[in-house]
């Protein structure tokens, strides 16, 4: 993505910062409740899964950014990077799943979104280098 701040990029930045701020607050609240109280049943499920909701907002924000992008070439580069990130992160978690199934490691699925974001960043860097 180029460095000019177009309206779609501004909206994306505001939305993603809002989603990640809400995530941080909900995560801290959820962890505090889970560690300080003996929760069970539906309340446990609700409190434990609450931090996922802002992540859904972040994913929706990324999708909205793709839709709102005016430059078709920049949009194609971002979608290409998202596809590469999806394939790479699915590959990583497939291997981790097999390793966990064999008892070799304990993998936490909650790392799926951060790993995907890291793969997206890597794919964007590699794409920028290849596009030169």
Protein backbone atom coordinates (compact mmCIF):
# COMPACT_ATOMS: atom_id res chain seq x y z
CA UNK A 1 0.00 0.00 0.00
CA UNK A 2 1.35 3.42 -0.81
CA UNK A 3 1.92 6.01 1.89
CA UNK A 4 -0.80 8.47 0.99
CA UNK A 5 -3.61 8.65 3.52
CA UNK A 6 -6.76 8.25 1.50
CA UNK A 7 -10.19 8.18 3.18
CA UNK A 8 -10.38 4.36 3.12
CA UNK A 9 -6.98 4.08 4.83
CA UNK A 10 -8.03 6.60 7.47
CA UNK A 11 -11.26 4.72 8.18
CA UNK A 12 -9.34 1.44 8.34
CA UNK A 13 -6.83 2.88 10.81
CA UNK A 14 -9.54 4.26 13.09
CA UNK A 15 -11.56 1.04 12.95
CA UNK A 16 -8.64 -1.32 13.52
CA UNK A 17 -7.34 0.78 16.43
CA UNK A 18 -10.84 0.78 17.94
CA UNK A 19 -11.17 -3.00 17.53
CA UNK A 20 -7.75 -3.65 19.06
CA UNK A 21 -8.43 -1.26 21.95
CA UNK A 22 -11.71 -3.04 22.69
CA UNK A 23 -9.87 -6.36 22.37
CA UNK A 24 -7.28 -5.34 24.95
CA UNK A 25 -9.93 -4.15 27.40
CA UNK A 26 -12.13 -7.23 26.95
CA UNK A 27 -9.13 -9.58 27.16
CA UNK A 28 -7.95 -8.07 30.45
CA UNK A 29 -11.49 -8.15 31.84
CA UNK A 30 -12.02 -11.72 30.70
CA UNK A 31 -8.72 -12.96 32.14
CA UNK A 32 -9.38 -11.15 35.40
CA UNK A 33 -12.81 -12.76 35.75
CA UNK A 34 -11.51 -16.21 34.77
CA UNK A 35 -8.70 -16.06 37.35
CA UNK A 36 -10.67 -14.53 40.21
CA UNK A 37 -13.94 -16.41 40.04
CA UNK A 38 -15.13 -19.98 39.77
CA UNK A 39 -17.20 -19.62 36.61
CA UNK A 40 -19.03 -22.51 35.04
CA UNK A 41 -21.61 -23.29 32.40
CA UNK A 42 -22.79 -20.63 29.97
CA UNK A 43 -21.18 -17.81 31.96
CA UNK A 44 -17.78 -19.49 31.62
CA UNK A 45 -18.29 -19.89 27.87
CA UNK A 46 -19.39 -16.28 27.50
CA UNK A 47 -16.52 -14.81 29.51
CA UNK A 48 -13.91 -17.08 27.93
CA UNK A 49 -15.03 -16.37 24.35
CA UNK A 50 -15.68 -12.62 24.78
CA UNK A 51 -12.19 -11.57 23.55
CA UNK A 52 -12.95 -13.20 20.19
CA UNK A 53 -15.69 -10.65 19.43
CA UNK A 54 -13.34 -7.69 18.86
CA UNK A 55 -11.18 -9.98 16.68
CA UNK A 56 -14.26 -10.54 14.53
CA UNK A 57 -14.51 -6.75 14.30
CA UNK A 58 -10.87 -6.53 13.18
CA UNK A 59 -11.48 -9.16 10.49
CA UNK A 60 -14.59 -7.32 9.31
CA UNK A 61 -12.55 -4.10 9.25
CA UNK A 62 -9.97 -5.73 7.00
CA UNK A 63 -12.71 -6.94 4.69
CA UNK A 64 -14.32 -3.52 4.60
CA UNK A 65 -10.96 -1.96 3.74
CA UNK A 66 -10.61 -4.26 0.74
CA UNK A 67 -14.09 -3.29 -0.45
CA UNK A 68 -13.50 0.45 0.11
CA UNK A 69 -10.14 0.59 -1.68
CA UNK A 70 -10.42 2.63 -4.89
CA UNK A 71 -7.12 1.59 -6.49
CA UNK A 72 -7.74 -1.80 -8.09
CA UNK A 73 -4.02 -2.61 -8.33
CA UNK A 74 -3.46 -1.92 -4.62
CA UNK A 75 -6.58 -3.95 -3.82
CA UNK A 76 -5.27 -6.87 -5.89
CA UNK A 77 -1.92 -6.75 -4.08
CA UNK A 78 -3.64 -6.77 -0.69
CA UNK A 79 -5.99 -9.61 -1.63
CA UNK A 80 -3.04 -11.59 -3.01
CA UNK A 81 -1.17 -11.07 0.28
CA UNK A 82 -4.29 -12.12 2.23
CA UNK A 83 -4.55 -15.32 0.18
CA UNK A 84 -0.88 -16.12 0.74
CA UNK A 85 -1.25 -15.39 4.47
CA UNK A 86 -4.28 -17.66 4.67
CA UNK A 87 -2.47 -20.52 2.93
CA UNK A 88 0.66 -20.08 5.00
CA UNK A 89 -1.15 -19.86 8.34
CA UNK A 90 -3.37 -22.84 7.47
CA UNK A 91 -0.21 -24.80 6.63
CA UNK A 92 1.42 -23.80 9.91
CA UNK A 93 -1.61 -24.75 11.98
CA UNK A 94 -2.05 -28.02 10.09
CA UNK A 95 1.51 -29.03 11.02
CA UNK A 96 0.94 -27.87 14.60
CA UNK A 97 -2.28 -29.90 14.74
CA UNK A 98 -0.47 -33.06 13.68
CA UNK A 99 2.31 -32.40 16.17
CA UNK A 100 -0.25 -31.86 18.91
CA UNK A 101 -2.13 -35.00 17.90
CA UNK A 102 1.14 -36.95 18.30
CA UNK A 103 1.66 -35.45 21.76
CA UNK A 104 4.82 -33.63 20.67
CA UNK A 105 3.55 -30.13 21.52
CA UNK A 106 0.58 -28.31 22.93
CA UNK A 107 -0.67 -25.81 20.35
CA UNK A 108 -3.07 -23.01 21.25
CA UNK A 109 -5.57 -22.14 18.53
CA UNK A 110 -5.93 -18.63 19.94
CA UNK A 111 -2.70 -17.78 18.09
CA UNK A 112 -4.38 -18.30 14.70
CA UNK A 113 -5.24 -14.62 14.11
CA UNK A 114 -1.89 -13.20 15.27
CA UNK A 115 -0.06 -15.78 13.14
CA UNK A 116 -2.26 -14.90 10.15
CA UNK A 117 -1.47 -11.19 10.68
CA UNK A 118 2.24 -11.98 10.82
CA UNK A 119 1.93 -14.02 7.63
CA UNK A 120 0.06 -11.12 6.02
CA UNK A 121 2.87 -8.73 6.89
CA UNK A 122 5.45 -11.17 5.52
CA UNK A 123 3.43 -11.68 2.33
CA UNK A 124 3.14 -7.91 1.85
CA UNK A 125 6.90 -7.45 2.26
CA UNK A 126 7.70 -10.28 -0.15
CA UNK A 127 5.11 -8.95 -2.59
CA UNK A 128 6.63 -5.46 -2.45
CA UNK A 129 10.11 -6.86 -3.10
CA UNK A 130 8.87 -8.99 -6.02
CA UNK A 131 6.96 -6.06 -7.52
CA UNK A 132 10.12 -3.96 -7.85
